[in-house]
N, C-alpha and C. Protein backbone atom coordinates (compact mmCIF):
# COMPACT_ATOMS: atom_id res chain seq x y z
N GLN A 1 31.20 -10.50 2.66
CA GLN A 1 31.51 -9.10 2.81
C GLN A 1 32.72 -8.96 3.73
N THR A 2 33.56 -8.03 3.42
CA THR A 2 34.78 -7.80 4.18
C THR A 2 34.63 -6.50 4.98
N PHE A 3 35.14 -6.52 6.20
CA PHE A 3 35.10 -5.34 7.06
C PHE A 3 36.50 -5.02 7.53
N HIS A 4 36.87 -3.78 7.46
CA HIS A 4 38.14 -3.30 8.02
C HIS A 4 37.79 -2.71 9.38
N LEU A 5 38.10 -3.43 10.41
CA LEU A 5 37.63 -3.08 11.75
C LEU A 5 38.53 -2.07 12.46
N PHE A 6 38.98 -1.08 11.72
CA PHE A 6 39.85 -0.06 12.31
C PHE A 6 39.07 1.11 12.88
N GLY A 7 37.92 1.40 12.29
CA GLY A 7 37.16 2.55 12.74
C GLY A 7 35.85 2.14 13.39
N ALA A 8 35.28 3.05 14.12
CA ALA A 8 34.02 2.78 14.82
C ALA A 8 32.91 2.46 13.83
N GLY A 9 32.88 3.13 12.71
CA GLY A 9 31.86 2.91 11.70
C GLY A 9 31.92 1.50 11.13
N GLU A 10 33.13 1.01 10.87
CA GLU A 10 33.29 -0.35 10.34
C GLU A 10 32.95 -1.39 11.39
N THR A 11 33.32 -1.14 12.63
CA THR A 11 32.99 -2.07 13.70
C THR A 11 31.48 -2.15 13.89
N GLU A 12 30.83 -1.02 13.82
CA GLU A 12 29.38 -0.98 13.96
C GLU A 12 28.71 -1.67 12.77
N ALA A 13 29.24 -1.47 11.57
CA ALA A 13 28.70 -2.12 10.38
C ALA A 13 28.85 -3.65 10.50
N PHE A 14 30.01 -4.09 11.01
CA PHE A 14 30.22 -5.52 11.21
C PHE A 14 29.23 -6.07 12.23
N ALA A 15 29.05 -5.37 13.34
CA ALA A 15 28.12 -5.82 14.39
C ALA A 15 26.70 -5.90 13.85
N ASN A 16 26.29 -4.90 13.07
CA ASN A 16 24.94 -4.92 12.49
C ASN A 16 24.78 -6.08 11.51
N GLU A 17 25.81 -6.32 10.70
CA GLU A 17 25.76 -7.43 9.75
C GLU A 17 25.68 -8.77 10.49
N TYR A 18 26.45 -8.91 11.55
CA TYR A 18 26.42 -10.13 12.37
C TYR A 18 25.02 -10.35 12.95
N LYS A 19 24.44 -9.31 13.49
CA LYS A 19 23.10 -9.41 14.09
C LYS A 19 22.06 -9.75 13.03
N LEU A 20 22.19 -9.13 11.87
CA LEU A 20 21.27 -9.40 10.78
C LEU A 20 21.38 -10.86 10.34
N ARG A 21 22.59 -11.37 10.23
CA ARG A 21 22.79 -12.76 9.82
C ARG A 21 22.27 -13.73 10.88
N LYS A 22 22.32 -13.35 12.14
CA LYS A 22 21.74 -14.20 13.19
C LYS A 22 20.23 -14.27 12.99
N ALA A 23 19.59 -13.13 12.73
CA ALA A 23 18.15 -13.11 12.46
C ALA A 23 17.83 -13.97 11.25
N GLU A 24 18.63 -13.84 10.20
CA GLU A 24 18.42 -14.63 8.99
C GLU A 24 18.57 -16.12 9.30
N GLY A 25 19.58 -16.47 10.07
CA GLY A 25 19.81 -17.88 10.44
C GLY A 25 18.65 -18.45 11.23
N ILE A 26 18.11 -17.67 12.14
CA ILE A 26 16.96 -18.12 12.93
C ILE A 26 15.78 -18.40 12.01
N LEU A 27 15.54 -17.49 11.08
CA LEU A 27 14.42 -17.67 10.16
C LEU A 27 14.63 -18.90 9.27
N LYS A 28 15.83 -19.08 8.75
CA LYS A 28 16.12 -20.23 7.89
C LYS A 28 15.98 -21.54 8.68
N ASP A 29 16.52 -21.57 9.89
CA ASP A 29 16.45 -22.76 10.72
C ASP A 29 15.00 -23.11 11.04
N TRP A 30 14.22 -22.10 11.38
CA TRP A 30 12.80 -22.29 11.70
C TRP A 30 12.04 -22.80 10.48
N LEU A 31 12.28 -22.20 9.32
CA LEU A 31 11.60 -22.61 8.09
C LEU A 31 11.97 -24.05 7.73
N ASP A 32 13.24 -24.38 7.84
CA ASP A 32 13.69 -25.74 7.55
C ASP A 32 13.01 -26.73 8.49
N HIS A 33 12.93 -26.38 9.75
CA HIS A 33 12.29 -27.23 10.75
C HIS A 33 10.82 -27.46 10.39
N ARG A 34 10.14 -26.40 10.02
CA ARG A 34 8.71 -26.48 9.66
C ARG A 34 8.51 -27.30 8.39
N GLU A 35 9.34 -27.06 7.38
CA GLU A 35 9.21 -27.78 6.11
C GLU A 35 9.48 -29.27 6.26
N ASN A 36 10.30 -29.64 7.24
CA ASN A 36 10.61 -31.04 7.48
C ASN A 36 9.67 -31.69 8.49
N GLY A 37 8.59 -30.98 8.84
CA GLY A 37 7.57 -31.55 9.71
C GLY A 37 7.95 -31.63 11.17
N GLY A 38 8.89 -30.82 11.60
CA GLY A 38 9.30 -30.84 13.00
C GLY A 38 8.21 -30.30 13.92
N ALA A 39 8.24 -30.74 15.15
CA ALA A 39 7.26 -30.30 16.13
C ALA A 39 7.49 -28.84 16.50
N GLU A 40 6.39 -28.13 16.73
CA GLU A 40 6.50 -26.70 17.05
C GLU A 40 7.26 -26.45 18.34
N ASN A 41 7.13 -27.37 19.29
CA ASN A 41 7.80 -27.16 20.58
C ASN A 41 9.30 -27.49 20.53
N GLU A 42 9.81 -27.85 19.35
CA GLU A 42 11.22 -28.16 19.20
C GLU A 42 11.98 -27.11 18.39
N THR A 43 11.33 -25.99 18.13
CA THR A 43 11.98 -24.94 17.35
C THR A 43 11.82 -23.60 18.08
N PHE A 44 12.24 -22.55 17.43
CA PHE A 44 12.19 -21.22 18.03
C PHE A 44 10.75 -20.81 18.33
N ALA A 45 10.57 -20.11 19.42
CA ALA A 45 9.24 -19.62 19.80
C ALA A 45 8.75 -18.60 18.78
N GLU A 46 7.45 -18.49 18.69
CA GLU A 46 6.83 -17.57 17.73
C GLU A 46 7.30 -16.13 17.93
N ASP A 47 7.47 -15.73 19.17
CA ASP A 47 7.92 -14.35 19.44
C ASP A 47 9.34 -14.12 18.93
N VAL A 48 10.19 -15.13 19.02
CA VAL A 48 11.56 -15.01 18.51
C VAL A 48 11.52 -14.87 16.98
N ILE A 49 10.67 -15.67 16.35
CA ILE A 49 10.52 -15.60 14.89
C ILE A 49 9.99 -14.23 14.49
N ASN A 50 9.03 -13.70 15.24
CA ASN A 50 8.48 -12.37 14.94
C ASN A 50 9.55 -11.29 15.02
N VAL A 51 10.40 -11.36 16.03
CA VAL A 51 11.49 -10.38 16.15
C VAL A 51 12.44 -10.51 14.97
N ALA A 52 12.84 -11.73 14.66
CA ALA A 52 13.76 -11.95 13.53
C ALA A 52 13.13 -11.48 12.23
N LEU A 53 11.86 -11.75 12.07
CA LEU A 53 11.16 -11.34 10.85
C LEU A 53 11.08 -9.82 10.73
N MET A 54 10.78 -9.13 11.83
CA MET A 54 10.74 -7.66 11.80
C MET A 54 12.09 -7.08 11.41
N VAL A 55 13.14 -7.63 11.98
CA VAL A 55 14.50 -7.16 11.69
C VAL A 55 14.81 -7.37 10.21
N PHE A 56 14.52 -8.55 9.70
CA PHE A 56 14.87 -8.85 8.33
C PHE A 56 13.99 -8.09 7.34
N GLN A 57 12.72 -7.92 7.65
CA GLN A 57 11.86 -7.12 6.77
C GLN A 57 12.33 -5.68 6.70
N ARG A 58 12.75 -5.14 7.83
CA ARG A 58 13.28 -3.78 7.85
C ARG A 58 14.53 -3.69 6.98
N HIS A 59 15.35 -4.72 7.03
CA HIS A 59 16.57 -4.75 6.21
C HIS A 59 16.23 -4.80 4.73
N LEU A 60 15.20 -5.54 4.37
CA LEU A 60 14.85 -5.71 2.96
C LEU A 60 14.05 -4.54 2.39
N THR A 61 13.58 -3.65 3.25
CA THR A 61 12.80 -2.51 2.78
C THR A 61 13.67 -1.63 1.89
N ASP A 62 13.11 -1.21 0.78
CA ASP A 62 13.83 -0.38 -0.17
C ASP A 62 14.10 0.99 0.44
N ILE A 63 15.34 1.32 0.63
CA ILE A 63 15.73 2.59 1.25
C ILE A 63 15.24 3.78 0.43
N ASP A 64 15.23 3.67 -0.88
CA ASP A 64 14.78 4.77 -1.72
C ASP A 64 13.31 5.09 -1.48
N SER A 65 12.49 4.05 -1.31
CA SER A 65 11.06 4.31 -1.07
C SER A 65 10.87 4.96 0.30
N LEU A 66 11.71 4.60 1.27
CA LEU A 66 11.61 5.22 2.60
C LEU A 66 12.04 6.69 2.56
N LEU A 67 13.09 6.96 1.80
CA LEU A 67 13.60 8.33 1.75
C LEU A 67 12.68 9.28 1.00
N THR A 68 11.89 8.76 0.06
CA THR A 68 11.00 9.63 -0.70
C THR A 68 9.61 9.72 -0.10
N SER A 69 9.34 8.97 0.95
CA SER A 69 8.01 9.05 1.58
C SER A 69 7.89 10.35 2.35
N GLU A 70 6.65 10.73 2.65
CA GLU A 70 6.41 12.00 3.34
C GLU A 70 7.01 12.03 4.73
N ASP A 71 6.94 10.91 5.44
CA ASP A 71 7.43 10.86 6.81
C ASP A 71 8.93 10.61 6.91
N ASN A 72 9.56 10.24 5.80
CA ASN A 72 10.97 9.91 5.77
C ASN A 72 11.31 8.92 6.88
N GLU A 73 10.67 7.75 6.79
CA GLU A 73 10.80 6.73 7.82
C GLU A 73 12.23 6.22 7.97
N ALA A 74 13.03 6.30 6.94
CA ALA A 74 14.41 5.81 7.03
C ALA A 74 15.17 6.58 8.10
N GLU A 75 14.90 7.86 8.16
CA GLU A 75 15.57 8.67 9.17
C GLU A 75 15.01 8.39 10.55
N ALA A 76 13.69 8.27 10.63
CA ALA A 76 13.06 8.09 11.93
C ALA A 76 13.27 6.69 12.47
N GLN A 77 13.21 5.68 11.61
CA GLN A 77 13.25 4.31 12.07
C GLN A 77 14.66 3.75 12.10
N GLY A 78 15.45 4.06 11.14
CA GLY A 78 16.78 3.51 11.07
C GLY A 78 16.76 2.08 10.57
N LEU A 79 17.90 1.60 10.16
CA LEU A 79 17.98 0.25 9.63
C LEU A 79 18.81 -0.67 10.51
N CYS A 80 19.04 -0.28 11.74
CA CYS A 80 19.81 -1.09 12.67
C CYS A 80 18.86 -1.95 13.50
N ILE A 81 19.44 -2.92 14.15
CA ILE A 81 18.69 -3.75 15.09
C ILE A 81 18.76 -3.04 16.44
N ASP A 82 17.58 -2.76 17.00
CA ASP A 82 17.63 -2.04 18.28
C ASP A 82 17.95 -3.02 19.42
N ASP A 83 18.29 -2.46 20.55
CA ASP A 83 18.75 -3.27 21.69
C ASP A 83 17.72 -4.28 22.16
N SER A 84 16.44 -3.89 22.16
CA SER A 84 15.41 -4.83 22.64
C SER A 84 15.28 -6.03 21.69
N GLU A 85 15.51 -5.82 20.40
CA GLU A 85 15.48 -6.92 19.45
C GLU A 85 16.72 -7.81 19.61
N TRP A 86 17.88 -7.17 19.76
CA TRP A 86 19.11 -7.93 19.85
C TRP A 86 19.15 -8.77 21.12
N VAL A 87 18.62 -8.27 22.21
CA VAL A 87 18.61 -9.03 23.46
C VAL A 87 17.89 -10.36 23.24
N VAL A 88 16.81 -10.34 22.48
CA VAL A 88 16.05 -11.56 22.20
C VAL A 88 16.83 -12.47 21.26
N LEU A 89 17.32 -11.91 20.16
CA LEU A 89 18.03 -12.72 19.17
C LEU A 89 19.33 -13.29 19.74
N LYS A 90 20.01 -12.52 20.56
CA LYS A 90 21.27 -12.96 21.14
C LYS A 90 21.05 -14.19 22.02
N GLU A 91 19.93 -14.21 22.72
CA GLU A 91 19.65 -15.31 23.64
C GLU A 91 19.23 -16.60 22.92
N ALA A 92 18.74 -16.47 21.70
CA ALA A 92 18.30 -17.64 20.94
C ALA A 92 19.51 -18.49 20.57
N GLU A 93 19.35 -19.81 20.73
CA GLU A 93 20.45 -20.74 20.46
C GLU A 93 20.07 -21.71 19.35
N PHE A 94 20.94 -21.87 18.36
CA PHE A 94 20.68 -22.81 17.28
C PHE A 94 20.74 -24.25 17.80
N ALA A 95 21.59 -24.51 18.77
CA ALA A 95 21.71 -25.85 19.32
C ALA A 95 20.51 -26.24 20.17
N ASN A 96 19.83 -25.22 20.70
CA ASN A 96 18.66 -25.45 21.55
C ASN A 96 17.59 -24.41 21.21
N PRO A 97 16.98 -24.52 20.03
CA PRO A 97 16.05 -23.47 19.60
C PRO A 97 14.80 -23.33 20.46
N ALA A 98 14.41 -24.39 21.16
CA ALA A 98 13.20 -24.34 21.98
C ALA A 98 13.46 -23.71 23.35
N LYS A 99 14.68 -23.33 23.60
CA LYS A 99 15.06 -22.73 24.88
C LYS A 99 14.19 -21.50 25.16
N GLU A 100 13.74 -21.41 26.41
CA GLU A 100 12.94 -20.24 26.80
C GLU A 100 13.82 -19.00 26.77
N ILE A 101 13.31 -17.95 26.18
CA ILE A 101 14.06 -16.69 26.06
C ILE A 101 13.63 -15.77 27.20
N ILE A 102 14.50 -15.60 28.14
CA ILE A 102 14.19 -14.81 29.34
C ILE A 102 13.94 -13.35 28.97
N ALA A 103 14.65 -12.86 27.98
CA ALA A 103 14.48 -11.46 27.57
C ALA A 103 13.05 -11.18 27.12
N LEU A 104 12.42 -12.17 26.48
CA LEU A 104 11.02 -11.99 26.06
C LEU A 104 10.11 -11.85 27.27
N GLU A 105 10.34 -12.67 28.27
CA GLU A 105 9.51 -12.59 29.48
C GLU A 105 9.72 -11.26 30.18
N VAL A 106 10.96 -10.81 30.24
CA VAL A 106 11.25 -9.50 30.85
C VAL A 106 10.53 -8.40 30.07
N GLN A 107 10.59 -8.45 28.73
CA GLN A 107 9.93 -7.44 27.91
C GLN A 107 8.42 -7.48 28.10
N ARG A 108 7.85 -8.68 28.22
CA ARG A 108 6.41 -8.79 28.48
C ARG A 108 6.05 -8.16 29.82
N GLN A 109 6.86 -8.44 30.84
CA GLN A 109 6.59 -7.88 32.16
C GLN A 109 6.70 -6.35 32.15
N VAL A 110 7.69 -5.85 31.45
CA VAL A 110 7.85 -4.39 31.34
C VAL A 110 6.64 -3.79 30.63
N ALA A 111 6.19 -4.45 29.56
CA ALA A 111 5.03 -3.95 28.81
C ALA A 111 3.77 -3.98 29.68
N LEU A 112 3.59 -5.06 30.44
CA LEU A 112 2.44 -5.15 31.35
C LEU A 112 2.48 -4.05 32.41
N GLU A 113 3.65 -3.85 32.97
CA GLU A 113 3.80 -2.80 33.99
C GLU A 113 3.54 -1.42 33.40
N HIS A 114 4.01 -1.22 32.19
CA HIS A 114 3.77 0.05 31.49
C HIS A 114 2.27 0.27 31.29
N GLU A 115 1.57 -0.77 30.83
CA GLU A 115 0.12 -0.67 30.62
C GLU A 115 -0.60 -0.43 31.94
N ARG A 116 -0.17 -1.13 32.98
CA ARG A 116 -0.77 -0.96 34.31
C ARG A 116 -0.58 0.48 34.80
N THR A 117 0.62 1.00 34.60
CA THR A 117 0.90 2.38 35.02
C THR A 117 0.06 3.37 34.22
N LYS A 118 -0.07 3.14 32.90
CA LYS A 118 -0.91 4.02 32.08
C LYS A 118 -2.35 4.00 32.55
N MET A 119 -2.86 2.81 32.90
CA MET A 119 -4.24 2.70 33.36
C MET A 119 -4.42 3.43 34.70
N GLN A 120 -3.46 3.26 35.59
CA GLN A 120 -3.53 3.93 36.89
C GLN A 120 -3.49 5.45 36.71
N MET A 121 -2.64 5.92 35.82
CA MET A 121 -2.55 7.36 35.56
C MET A 121 -3.85 7.87 34.96
N ARG A 122 -4.43 7.11 34.04
CA ARG A 122 -5.69 7.50 33.42
C ARG A 122 -6.80 7.58 34.48
N GLN A 123 -6.83 6.58 35.37
CA GLN A 123 -7.84 6.58 36.42
C GLN A 123 -7.65 7.76 37.37
N ALA A 124 -6.39 8.03 37.72
CA ALA A 124 -6.12 9.18 38.60
C ALA A 124 -6.52 10.48 37.93
N PHE A 125 -6.24 10.60 36.65
CA PHE A 125 -6.62 11.79 35.89
C PHE A 125 -8.13 11.94 35.87
N GLU A 126 -8.84 10.85 35.62
CA GLU A 126 -10.30 10.90 35.58
C GLU A 126 -10.87 11.29 36.94
N ARG A 127 -10.25 10.78 38.02
CA ARG A 127 -10.70 11.17 39.38
C ARG A 127 -10.47 12.67 39.60
N GLN A 128 -9.34 13.16 39.13
CA GLN A 128 -9.05 14.59 39.28
C GLN A 128 -10.04 15.43 38.50
N VAL A 129 -10.40 14.98 37.31
CA VAL A 129 -11.38 15.71 36.50
C VAL A 129 -12.71 15.77 37.23
N VAL A 130 -13.13 14.65 37.81
CA VAL A 130 -14.39 14.60 38.56
C VAL A 130 -14.32 15.55 39.76
N GLU A 131 -13.22 15.52 40.48
CA GLU A 131 -13.06 16.39 41.65
C GLU A 131 -13.07 17.86 41.23
N LEU A 132 -12.37 18.18 40.15
CA LEU A 132 -12.37 19.56 39.66
C LEU A 132 -13.76 19.99 39.22
N GLN A 133 -14.50 19.08 38.62
CA GLN A 133 -15.87 19.40 38.22
C GLN A 133 -16.74 19.67 39.44
N LYS A 134 -16.55 18.88 40.48
CA LYS A 134 -17.30 19.09 41.73
C LYS A 134 -16.96 20.44 42.32
N LEU A 135 -15.66 20.76 42.36
CA LEU A 135 -15.24 22.05 42.90
C LEU A 135 -15.81 23.20 42.09
N THR A 136 -15.80 23.05 40.78
CA THR A 136 -16.35 24.08 39.90
C THR A 136 -17.84 24.25 40.15
N ASN A 137 -18.54 23.14 40.28
CA ASN A 137 -19.98 23.21 40.54
C ASN A 137 -20.27 23.88 41.88
N ARG A 138 -19.49 23.53 42.92
CA ARG A 138 -19.67 24.18 44.24
C ARG A 138 -19.40 25.67 44.15
N ARG A 139 -18.36 26.02 43.42
CA ARG A 139 -18.03 27.46 43.27
C ARG A 139 -19.16 28.19 42.57
N HIS A 140 -19.69 27.59 41.49
CA HIS A 140 -20.81 28.22 40.77
C HIS A 140 -22.04 28.33 41.68
N GLU A 141 -22.26 27.31 42.50
CA GLU A 141 -23.40 27.35 43.43
C GLU A 141 -23.22 28.49 44.43
N ARG A 142 -22.00 28.63 44.97
CA ARG A 142 -21.74 29.72 45.93
C ARG A 142 -21.91 31.09 45.28
N ILE A 143 -21.40 31.22 44.07
CA ILE A 143 -21.55 32.49 43.35
C ILE A 143 -23.03 32.77 43.13
N SER A 144 -23.75 31.76 42.70
CA SER A 144 -25.19 31.91 42.48
C SER A 144 -25.91 32.28 43.77
N GLN A 145 -25.54 31.62 44.86
CA GLN A 145 -26.16 31.92 46.17
C GLN A 145 -25.85 33.36 46.58
N ARG A 146 -24.61 33.79 46.39
CA ARG A 146 -24.24 35.17 46.74
C ARG A 146 -25.04 36.17 45.90
N GLN A 147 -25.17 35.87 44.61
CA GLN A 147 -25.94 36.78 43.75
C GLN A 147 -27.40 36.81 44.17
N GLN A 148 -27.96 35.65 44.50
CA GLN A 148 -29.35 35.60 44.95
C GLN A 148 -29.51 36.34 46.28
N GLU A 149 -28.54 36.17 47.16
CA GLU A 149 -28.57 36.87 48.45
C GLU A 149 -28.47 38.37 48.24
N LYS A 150 -27.62 38.78 47.34
CA LYS A 150 -27.45 40.20 47.04
C LYS A 150 -28.76 40.78 46.47
N ILE A 151 -29.38 40.05 45.56
CA ILE A 151 -30.65 40.49 44.97
C ILE A 151 -31.72 40.55 46.04
N ARG A 152 -31.77 39.54 46.92
CA ARG A 152 -32.76 39.52 48.00
C ARG A 152 -32.57 40.71 48.93
N LYS A 153 -31.31 41.03 49.27
CA LYS A 153 -31.03 42.17 50.15
C LYS A 153 -31.43 43.48 49.48
N GLU A 154 -31.14 43.60 48.18
CA GLU A 154 -31.51 44.82 47.47
C GLU A 154 -33.02 44.96 47.40
N THR A 155 -33.70 43.84 47.23
CA THR A 155 -35.15 43.85 47.17
C THR A 155 -35.73 44.26 48.53
N LEU A 156 -35.13 43.78 49.60
CA LEU A 156 -35.61 44.14 50.95
C LEU A 156 -35.36 45.62 51.25
N ARG A 157 -34.30 46.20 50.74
CA ARG A 157 -33.99 47.61 50.97
C ARG A 157 -35.00 48.51 50.26
N GLN A 158 -35.55 48.02 49.22
CA GLN A 158 -36.48 48.87 48.46
C GLN A 158 -37.79 48.84 49.10
């Protein structure tokens, strides 16, 4: 494929094609390694393969079927490689496929921190709900006590 790199659109198309071909190369290299009986610890990590596979599957998805679906996923999802995927693929090396991908570890840490934060927020919310329920119960008790006191006073006046 030929690209005329004069405009932003062509430059972006070239960059996307380059990234896509890197994903394809990773998959081909991994498959060749597996078919030739290579050791798993001498090829790309499973997470790198998963990223490359997601990118390539998205590329192979029929755009017409996406555009005619109810959710119109083509518009929502896009057919580009997102930054988090490219960071992983960019770090992968054909000369050293078993190299540890630091971007994956960073993404795992971010995901763990995100989950930890969600859990802490959920716990804080649940504590607030309990406290609000206690306050509501106390308020209802006070209202009930006032009404009982009012009835008692009216009864004594009679």
